[in-house]
Amino acid sequence: MDLIISLGHWNWFILAVILLALELVAPGAFMLWLGLSAILVGVISVAVDWPWQGQIVAFAVFAVLCIPLWRRFARGTAPSGDQPLLNRRAEVLVGRVFTLEKPIVGGIGTVRVGDTLWRVAGPDCPAGARVKVARADGVDLQVELAER
């Protein structure tokens, strides 16, 4: 405990390094903001001699304030590219027509898309019927009978 007390404001910089290292090991942008909050408290502690209780409260406040700031920043930097649905495979299938692999019985059936079987939900239809994907609903594709 004496070692921790003797480090003074360096405690916050050490904590920041630990938190930022954890962010590198397990990325997810959570420890990043805690690390930046620790750096901010450390910088303030260099200039101001304040009790440890105030430092902890300031750390908590800075950590909580980082959440809306991050959301505002992340919203403005949405990735744009030539394939916006690249990692949303089910949504890419909306509007396409497929032949049922297995009949839709009780509202559930399957279609083959390439080498993958997709579960579909829709009105009961025999195998071989043509269905159009109306929307993606989680792992299910909602289908309707395709017009001929």
N, C-alpha and C. Protein backbone atom coordinates (compact mmCIF):
# COMPACT_ATOMS: atom_id res chain seq x y z
N MET A 1 0.84 -1.19 0.00
CA MET A 1 0.00 0.00 0.00
C MET A 1 0.88 1.25 0.00
N ASP A 2 2.00 1.17 0.71
CA ASP A 2 2.90 2.33 0.75
C ASP A 2 3.45 2.62 -0.64
N LEU A 3 3.69 1.57 -1.42
CA LEU A 3 4.19 1.75 -2.78
C LEU A 3 3.16 2.49 -3.63
N ILE A 4 1.91 2.11 -3.52
CA ILE A 4 0.85 2.76 -4.29
C ILE A 4 0.73 4.22 -3.90
N ILE A 5 0.75 4.50 -2.61
CA ILE A 5 0.65 5.89 -2.14
C ILE A 5 1.86 6.70 -2.58
N SER A 6 3.02 6.09 -2.57
CA SER A 6 4.24 6.82 -2.92
C SER A 6 4.31 7.17 -4.41
N LEU A 7 3.56 6.44 -5.25
CA LEU A 7 3.59 6.73 -6.69
C LEU A 7 2.81 7.99 -7.06
N GLY A 8 1.83 8.38 -6.25
CA GLY A 8 1.07 9.61 -6.50
C GLY A 8 0.31 9.55 -7.82
N HIS A 9 0.50 10.59 -8.64
CA HIS A 9 -0.24 10.67 -9.91
C HIS A 9 0.20 9.60 -10.90
N TRP A 10 1.35 8.99 -10.69
CA TRP A 10 1.82 7.93 -11.60
C TRP A 10 0.91 6.71 -11.55
N ASN A 11 0.15 6.54 -10.48
CA ASN A 11 -0.81 5.43 -10.41
C ASN A 11 -1.76 5.45 -11.61
N TRP A 12 -2.21 6.64 -11.97
CA TRP A 12 -3.17 6.76 -13.06
C TRP A 12 -2.53 6.44 -14.40
N PHE A 13 -1.29 6.83 -14.58
CA PHE A 13 -0.61 6.51 -15.84
C PHE A 13 -0.32 5.01 -15.94
N ILE A 14 0.01 4.40 -14.82
CA ILE A 14 0.24 2.95 -14.81
C ILE A 14 -1.07 2.22 -15.10
N LEU A 15 -2.17 2.67 -14.46
CA LEU A 15 -3.48 2.07 -14.72
C LEU A 15 -3.86 2.25 -16.19
N ALA A 16 -3.56 3.41 -16.75
CA ALA A 16 -3.88 3.66 -18.16
C ALA A 16 -3.13 2.70 -19.07
N VAL A 17 -1.86 2.48 -18.79
CA VAL A 17 -1.07 1.54 -19.60
C VAL A 17 -1.64 0.14 -19.50
N ILE A 18 -2.02 -0.27 -18.30
CA ILE A 18 -2.61 -1.60 -18.11
C ILE A 18 -3.92 -1.73 -18.89
N LEU A 19 -4.78 -0.72 -18.78
CA LEU A 19 -6.07 -0.77 -19.48
C LEU A 19 -5.89 -0.75 -21.00
N LEU A 20 -4.97 0.06 -21.48
CA LEU A 20 -4.74 0.11 -22.93
C LEU A 20 -4.11 -1.19 -23.42
N ALA A 21 -3.27 -1.83 -22.59
CA ALA A 21 -2.72 -3.14 -22.97
C ALA A 21 -3.83 -4.19 -23.01
N LEU A 22 -4.77 -4.12 -22.08
CA LEU A 22 -5.92 -5.04 -22.12
C LEU A 22 -6.75 -4.82 -23.38
N GLU A 23 -6.86 -3.58 -23.81
CA GLU A 23 -7.59 -3.28 -25.05
C GLU A 23 -6.89 -3.92 -26.24
N LEU A 24 -5.57 -3.94 -26.23
CA LEU A 24 -4.84 -4.58 -27.32
C LEU A 24 -5.04 -6.09 -27.32
N VAL A 25 -5.11 -6.68 -26.13
CA VAL A 25 -5.27 -8.13 -26.02
C VAL A 25 -6.70 -8.54 -26.39
N ALA A 26 -7.68 -7.79 -25.93
CA ALA A 26 -9.09 -8.10 -26.19
C ALA A 26 -9.77 -6.84 -26.70
N PRO A 27 -9.63 -6.54 -28.01
CA PRO A 27 -10.19 -5.30 -28.54
C PRO A 27 -11.71 -5.26 -28.47
N GLY A 28 -12.22 -4.09 -28.28
CA GLY A 28 -13.65 -3.90 -28.22
C GLY A 28 -14.01 -2.48 -27.86
N ALA A 29 -13.03 -1.61 -27.76
CA ALA A 29 -13.19 -0.18 -27.50
C ALA A 29 -13.75 0.13 -26.12
N PHE A 30 -13.77 -0.83 -25.21
CA PHE A 30 -14.24 -0.53 -23.87
C PHE A 30 -13.09 -0.10 -22.97
N MET A 31 -12.04 -0.87 -22.94
CA MET A 31 -10.89 -0.53 -22.10
C MET A 31 -10.18 0.71 -22.61
N LEU A 32 -10.32 0.99 -23.90
CA LEU A 32 -9.71 2.18 -24.48
C LEU A 32 -10.21 3.43 -23.76
N TRP A 33 -11.50 3.51 -23.55
CA TRP A 33 -12.06 4.72 -22.94
C TRP A 33 -11.74 4.79 -21.46
N LEU A 34 -11.66 3.65 -20.80
CA LEU A 34 -11.22 3.66 -19.40
C LEU A 34 -9.76 4.10 -19.31
N GLY A 35 -8.94 3.62 -20.23
CA GLY A 35 -7.53 4.02 -20.24
C GLY A 35 -7.37 5.50 -20.49
N LEU A 36 -8.14 6.04 -21.43
CA LEU A 36 -8.07 7.48 -21.70
C LEU A 36 -8.58 8.29 -20.51
N SER A 37 -9.57 7.77 -19.81
CA SER A 37 -10.05 8.45 -18.60
C SER A 37 -8.97 8.46 -17.52
N ALA A 38 -8.25 7.35 -17.40
CA ALA A 38 -7.15 7.29 -16.41
C ALA A 38 -6.05 8.28 -16.78
N ILE A 39 -5.74 8.40 -18.06
CA ILE A 39 -4.73 9.37 -18.50
C ILE A 39 -5.18 10.79 -18.14
N LEU A 40 -6.44 11.09 -18.38
CA LEU A 40 -6.96 12.43 -18.09
C LEU A 40 -6.87 12.74 -16.60
N VAL A 41 -7.24 11.79 -15.75
CA VAL A 41 -7.14 12.00 -14.30
C VAL A 41 -5.66 12.16 -13.91
N GLY A 42 -4.78 11.40 -14.52
CA GLY A 42 -3.35 11.52 -14.24
C GLY A 42 -2.81 12.88 -14.61
N VAL A 43 -3.23 13.40 -15.76
CA VAL A 43 -2.77 14.73 -16.19
C VAL A 43 -3.28 15.80 -15.24
N ILE A 44 -4.54 15.69 -14.84
CA ILE A 44 -5.09 16.67 -13.89
C ILE A 44 -4.37 16.55 -12.54
N SER A 45 -4.04 15.32 -12.14
CA SER A 45 -3.37 15.11 -10.85
C SER A 45 -1.96 15.69 -10.82
N VAL A 46 -1.34 15.81 -11.98
CA VAL A 46 -0.02 16.44 -12.04
C VAL A 46 -0.13 17.91 -11.66
N ALA A 47 -1.20 18.57 -12.12
CA ALA A 47 -1.36 20.00 -11.90
C ALA A 47 -2.09 20.33 -10.59
N VAL A 48 -2.97 19.44 -10.15
CA VAL A 48 -3.80 19.73 -8.97
C VAL A 48 -3.56 18.65 -7.92
N ASP A 49 -3.36 19.07 -6.69
CA ASP A 49 -3.21 18.12 -5.58
C ASP A 49 -4.58 17.93 -4.96
N TRP A 50 -5.21 16.83 -5.28
CA TRP A 50 -6.56 16.56 -4.80
C TRP A 50 -6.63 15.19 -4.16
N PRO A 51 -7.61 14.97 -3.28
CA PRO A 51 -7.68 13.70 -2.55
C PRO A 51 -8.01 12.53 -3.49
N TRP A 52 -7.64 11.33 -3.07
CA TRP A 52 -7.85 10.16 -3.91
C TRP A 52 -9.32 9.90 -4.18
N GLN A 53 -10.21 10.29 -3.24
CA GLN A 53 -11.64 10.10 -3.46
C GLN A 53 -12.11 10.94 -4.65
N GLY A 54 -11.64 12.15 -4.74
CA GLY A 54 -12.00 13.01 -5.87
C GLY A 54 -11.45 12.47 -7.18
N GLN A 55 -10.26 11.89 -7.11
CA GLN A 55 -9.67 11.31 -8.33
C GLN A 55 -10.52 10.14 -8.83
N ILE A 56 -10.97 9.30 -7.93
CA ILE A 56 -11.79 8.15 -8.33
C ILE A 56 -13.13 8.62 -8.89
N VAL A 57 -13.74 9.61 -8.26
CA VAL A 57 -15.00 10.16 -8.78
C VAL A 57 -14.79 10.76 -10.17
N ALA A 58 -13.70 11.50 -10.33
CA ALA A 58 -13.41 12.09 -11.64
C ALA A 58 -13.18 11.00 -12.69
N PHE A 59 -12.48 9.94 -12.32
CA PHE A 59 -12.27 8.82 -13.24
C PHE A 59 -13.60 8.23 -13.67
N ALA A 60 -14.50 8.00 -12.72
CA ALA A 60 -15.82 7.44 -13.04
C ALA A 60 -16.61 8.37 -13.95
N VAL A 61 -16.58 9.65 -13.65
CA VAL A 61 -17.32 10.63 -14.46
C VAL A 61 -16.75 10.67 -15.89
N PHE A 62 -15.43 10.72 -16.01
CA PHE A 62 -14.81 10.74 -17.35
C PHE A 62 -15.14 9.47 -18.12
N ALA A 63 -15.12 8.33 -17.44
CA ALA A 63 -15.43 7.06 -18.11
C ALA A 63 -16.87 7.05 -18.62
N VAL A 64 -17.80 7.56 -17.82
CA VAL A 64 -19.21 7.60 -18.23
C VAL A 64 -19.42 8.62 -19.36
N LEU A 65 -18.73 9.75 -19.31
CA LEU A 65 -18.87 10.77 -20.35
C LEU A 65 -18.30 10.30 -21.69
N CYS A 66 -17.38 9.38 -21.66
CA CYS A 66 -16.78 8.89 -22.90
C CYS A 66 -17.78 8.08 -23.74
N ILE A 67 -18.78 7.49 -23.10
CA ILE A 67 -19.74 6.66 -23.83
C ILE A 67 -20.51 7.47 -24.86
N PRO A 68 -21.19 8.58 -24.50
CA PRO A 68 -21.91 9.33 -25.54
C PRO A 68 -20.96 9.97 -26.55
N LEU A 69 -19.77 10.35 -26.11
CA LEU A 69 -18.82 10.91 -27.06
C LEU A 69 -18.41 9.88 -28.10
N TRP A 70 -18.19 8.64 -27.65
CA TRP A 70 -17.83 7.57 -28.57
C TRP A 70 -18.99 7.27 -29.52
N ARG A 71 -20.21 7.24 -29.02
CA ARG A 71 -21.37 6.97 -29.89
C ARG A 71 -21.49 8.05 -30.97
N ARG A 72 -21.29 9.30 -30.59
CA ARG A 72 -21.37 10.39 -31.56
C ARG A 72 -20.27 10.24 -32.60
N PHE A 73 -19.07 9.92 -32.15
CA PHE A 73 -17.94 9.74 -33.06
C PHE A 73 -18.17 8.54 -33.98
N ALA A 74 -18.61 7.42 -33.43
CA ALA A 74 -18.79 6.19 -34.21
C ALA A 74 -19.91 6.34 -35.23
N ARG A 75 -20.95 7.07 -34.89
CA ARG A 75 -22.07 7.27 -35.81
C ARG A 75 -21.62 8.03 -37.05
N GLY A 76 -20.71 8.97 -36.87
CA GLY A 76 -20.24 9.77 -37.99
C GLY A 76 -19.21 9.08 -38.86
N THR A 77 -18.69 7.95 -38.41
CA THR A 77 -17.66 7.26 -39.18
C THR A 77 -18.13 5.90 -39.66
N ALA A 78 -19.38 5.80 -40.07
CA ALA A 78 -19.89 4.53 -40.57
C ALA A 78 -19.14 4.16 -41.85
N PRO A 79 -18.71 2.90 -41.93
CA PRO A 79 -17.96 2.50 -43.11
C PRO A 79 -18.83 2.53 -44.36
N SER A 80 -18.31 3.10 -45.38
CA SER A 80 -19.02 3.09 -46.65
C SER A 80 -18.11 2.43 -47.67
N GLY A 81 -18.71 1.70 -48.55
CA GLY A 81 -17.92 1.00 -49.55
C GLY A 81 -18.80 0.54 -50.67
N ASP A 82 -18.22 -0.22 -51.56
CA ASP A 82 -18.98 -0.70 -52.70
C ASP A 82 -19.82 -1.92 -52.34
N GLN A 83 -19.62 -2.52 -51.15
CA GLN A 83 -20.41 -3.66 -50.71
C GLN A 83 -20.91 -3.44 -49.28
N PRO A 84 -21.93 -2.60 -49.09
CA PRO A 84 -22.38 -2.27 -47.74
C PRO A 84 -23.00 -3.46 -47.00
N LEU A 85 -23.46 -4.50 -47.71
CA LEU A 85 -24.08 -5.65 -47.06
C LEU A 85 -23.13 -6.84 -46.99
N LEU A 86 -21.83 -6.60 -47.07
CA LEU A 86 -20.85 -7.67 -47.14
C LEU A 86 -20.99 -8.69 -46.02
N ASN A 87 -21.15 -8.26 -44.79
CA ASN A 87 -21.25 -9.18 -43.66
C ASN A 87 -22.67 -9.42 -43.20
N ARG A 88 -23.63 -9.06 -44.02
CA ARG A 88 -25.04 -9.29 -43.71
C ARG A 88 -25.62 -10.12 -44.84
N ARG A 89 -25.23 -11.41 -44.86
CA ARG A 89 -25.54 -12.28 -45.98
C ARG A 89 -27.04 -12.46 -46.21
N ALA A 90 -27.81 -12.53 -45.14
CA ALA A 90 -29.24 -12.76 -45.29
C ALA A 90 -29.90 -11.58 -45.99
N GLU A 91 -29.49 -10.37 -45.71
CA GLU A 91 -30.09 -9.19 -46.32
C GLU A 91 -29.79 -9.09 -47.81
N VAL A 92 -28.68 -9.68 -48.22
CA VAL A 92 -28.32 -9.67 -49.64
C VAL A 92 -29.31 -10.50 -50.45
N LEU A 93 -29.95 -11.49 -49.81
CA LEU A 93 -30.85 -12.40 -50.51
C LEU A 93 -32.26 -11.83 -50.71
N VAL A 94 -32.57 -10.73 -50.05
CA VAL A 94 -33.91 -10.14 -50.16
C VAL A 94 -34.19 -9.76 -51.62
N GLY A 95 -35.35 -10.20 -52.10
CA GLY A 95 -35.76 -9.90 -53.47
C GLY A 95 -35.40 -11.00 -54.47
N ARG A 96 -34.54 -11.93 -54.08
CA ARG A 96 -34.15 -13.01 -54.99
C ARG A 96 -35.16 -14.15 -54.94
N VAL A 97 -35.21 -14.91 -56.01
CA VAL A 97 -36.14 -16.03 -56.13
C VAL A 97 -35.34 -17.33 -56.09
N PHE A 98 -35.85 -18.29 -55.31
CA PHE A 98 -35.20 -19.59 -55.17
C PHE A 98 -36.22 -20.71 -55.28
N THR A 99 -35.72 -21.92 -55.51
CA THR A 99 -36.56 -23.11 -55.55
C THR A 99 -36.45 -23.81 -54.20
N LEU A 100 -37.61 -24.20 -53.65
CA LEU A 100 -37.61 -24.85 -52.34
C LEU A 100 -36.90 -26.20 -52.41
N GLU A 101 -35.97 -26.42 -51.53
CA GLU A 101 -35.28 -27.71 -51.40
C GLU A 101 -36.18 -28.70 -50.68
N LYS A 102 -36.75 -28.25 -49.56
CA LYS A 102 -37.72 -29.04 -48.79
C LYS A 102 -39.00 -28.23 -48.72
N PRO A 103 -40.15 -28.90 -48.70
CA PRO A 103 -41.41 -28.15 -48.68
C PRO A 103 -41.56 -27.32 -47.41
N ILE A 104 -42.34 -26.27 -47.54
CA ILE A 104 -42.67 -25.48 -46.35
C ILE A 104 -43.89 -26.13 -45.72
N VAL A 105 -43.67 -26.72 -44.55
CA VAL A 105 -44.74 -27.38 -43.81
C VAL A 105 -44.79 -26.75 -42.43
N GLY A 106 -45.97 -26.31 -42.04
CA GLY A 106 -46.09 -25.64 -40.74
C GLY A 106 -45.35 -24.32 -40.71
N GLY A 107 -45.14 -23.73 -41.89
CA GLY A 107 -44.50 -22.42 -41.97
C GLY A 107 -42.99 -22.45 -42.10
N ILE A 108 -42.35 -23.66 -42.08
CA ILE A 108 -40.89 -23.76 -42.12
C ILE A 108 -40.46 -24.72 -43.24
N GLY A 109 -39.46 -24.29 -43.99
CA GLY A 109 -38.88 -25.12 -45.05
C GLY A 109 -37.44 -24.70 -45.29
N THR A 110 -36.84 -25.16 -46.40
CA THR A 110 -35.46 -24.78 -46.71
C THR A 110 -35.29 -24.51 -48.20
N VAL A 111 -34.34 -23.65 -48.50
CA VAL A 111 -33.92 -23.40 -49.88
C VAL A 111 -32.41 -23.55 -49.94
N ARG A 112 -31.91 -23.90 -51.11
CA ARG A 112 -30.47 -24.01 -51.30
C ARG A 112 -29.99 -22.75 -52.02
N VAL A 113 -29.01 -22.08 -51.40
CA VAL A 113 -28.38 -20.91 -52.00
C VAL A 113 -26.91 -21.27 -52.14
N GLY A 114 -26.49 -21.55 -53.35
CA GLY A 114 -25.12 -22.01 -53.57
C GLY A 114 -24.94 -23.36 -52.92
N ASP A 115 -24.03 -23.46 -51.97
CA ASP A 115 -23.82 -24.72 -51.27
C ASP A 115 -24.37 -24.69 -49.84
N THR A 116 -25.23 -23.73 -49.55
CA THR A 116 -25.75 -23.55 -48.20
C THR A 116 -27.27 -23.72 -48.19
N LEU A 117 -27.76 -24.41 -47.17
CA LEU A 117 -29.20 -24.51 -46.97
C LEU A 117 -29.65 -23.41 -46.01
N TRP A 118 -30.66 -22.67 -46.41
CA TRP A 118 -31.22 -21.60 -45.57
C TRP A 118 -32.61 -22.01 -45.13
N ARG A 119 -32.91 -21.73 -43.88
CA ARG A 119 -34.24 -21.98 -43.36
C ARG A 119 -35.15 -20.84 -43.79
N VAL A 120 -36.32 -21.20 -44.29
CA VAL A 120 -37.27 -20.18 -44.73
C VAL A 120 -38.58 -20.34 -43.97
N ALA A 121 -39.28 -19.25 -43.84
CA ALA A 121 -40.59 -19.23 -43.20
C ALA A 121 -41.56 -18.56 -44.15
N GLY A 122 -42.72 -19.14 -44.27
CA GLY A 122 -43.72 -18.58 -45.16
C GLY A 122 -44.92 -19.51 -45.29
N PRO A 123 -45.76 -19.26 -46.30
CA PRO A 123 -46.94 -20.11 -46.49
C PRO A 123 -46.53 -21.50 -46.95
N ASP A 124 -47.32 -22.52 -46.56
CA ASP A 124 -47.02 -23.89 -46.94
C ASP A 124 -46.97 -24.03 -48.47
N CYS A 125 -45.88 -24.67 -48.95
CA CYS A 125 -45.65 -24.88 -50.38
C CYS A 125 -44.97 -26.23 -50.56
N PRO A 126 -45.16 -26.87 -51.72
CA PRO A 126 -44.47 -28.14 -51.98
C PRO A 126 -43.00 -27.90 -52.35
N ALA A 127 -42.20 -28.95 -52.24
CA ALA A 127 -40.80 -28.87 -52.67
C ALA A 127 -40.77 -28.57 -54.16
N GLY A 128 -39.82 -27.77 -54.59
CA GLY A 128 -39.72 -27.39 -55.99
C GLY A 128 -40.46 -26.11 -56.34
N ALA A 129 -41.27 -25.60 -55.42
CA ALA A 129 -41.99 -24.35 -55.67
C ALA A 129 -41.00 -23.18 -55.69
N ARG A 130 -41.29 -22.17 -56.46
CA ARG A 130 -40.45 -20.97 -56.53
C ARG A 130 -40.94 -19.97 -55.50
N VAL A 131 -40.01 -19.50 -54.65
CA VAL A 131 -40.35 -18.53 -53.61
C VAL A 131 -39.42 -17.33 -53.72
N LYS A 132 -39.95 -16.19 -53.34
CA LYS A 132 -39.18 -14.95 -53.35
C LYS A 132 -38.93 -14.53 -51.91
N VAL A 133 -37.70 -14.15 -51.60
CA VAL A 133 -37.34 -13.71 -50.25
C VAL A 133 -37.89 -12.30 -50.04
N ALA A 134 -38.79 -12.17 -49.06
CA ALA A 134 -39.41 -10.88 -48.78
C ALA A 134 -38.57 -10.06 -47.80
N ARG A 135 -38.00 -10.75 -46.80
CA ARG A 135 -37.14 -10.05 -45.83
C ARG A 135 -36.32 -11.07 -45.06
N ALA A 136 -35.27 -10.58 -44.45
CA ALA A 136 -34.43 -11.41 -43.59
C ALA A 136 -34.84 -11.14 -42.15
N ASP A 137 -35.09 -12.21 -41.42
CA ASP A 137 -35.51 -12.09 -40.02
C ASP A 137 -34.58 -12.94 -39.17
N GLY A 138 -33.46 -12.37 -38.76
CA GLY A 138 -32.45 -13.13 -38.01
C GLY A 138 -31.83 -14.16 -38.92
N VAL A 139 -31.95 -15.45 -38.54
CA VAL A 139 -31.39 -16.52 -39.37
C VAL A 139 -32.41 -17.08 -40.34
N ASP A 140 -33.65 -16.64 -40.24
CA ASP A 140 -34.71 -17.11 -41.16
C ASP A 140 -34.90 -16.13 -42.29
N LEU A 141 -35.27 -16.67 -43.42
CA LEU A 141 -35.68 -15.86 -44.56
C LEU A 141 -37.18 -15.93 -44.68
N GLN A 142 -37.86 -14.81 -44.64
CA GLN A 142 -39.31 -14.77 -44.82
C GLN A 142 -39.57 -14.75 -46.31
N VAL A 143 -40.36 -15.73 -46.79
CA VAL A 143 -40.58 -15.87 -48.23
C VAL A 143 -42.06 -15.79 -48.55
N GLU A 144 -42.32 -15.55 -49.82
CA GLU A 144 -43.69 -15.57 -50.37
C GLU A 144 -43.59 -16.26 -51.72
N LEU A 145 -44.72 -16.74 -52.19
CA LEU A 145 -44.72 -17.42 -53.49
C LEU A 145 -44.29 -16.44 -54.57
N ALA A 146 -43.41 -16.89 -55.45
CA ALA A 146 -42.93 -16.04 -56.54
C ALA A 146 -43.97 -16.03 -57.65
N GLU A 147 -44.12 -14.89 -58.28
CA GLU A 147 -45.04 -14.79 -59.42
C GLU A 147 -44.38 -15.47 -60.61
N ARG A 148 -45.14 -16.10 -61.40
CA ARG A 148 -44.60 -16.83 -62.55
C ARG A 148 -44.42 -15.94 -63.73
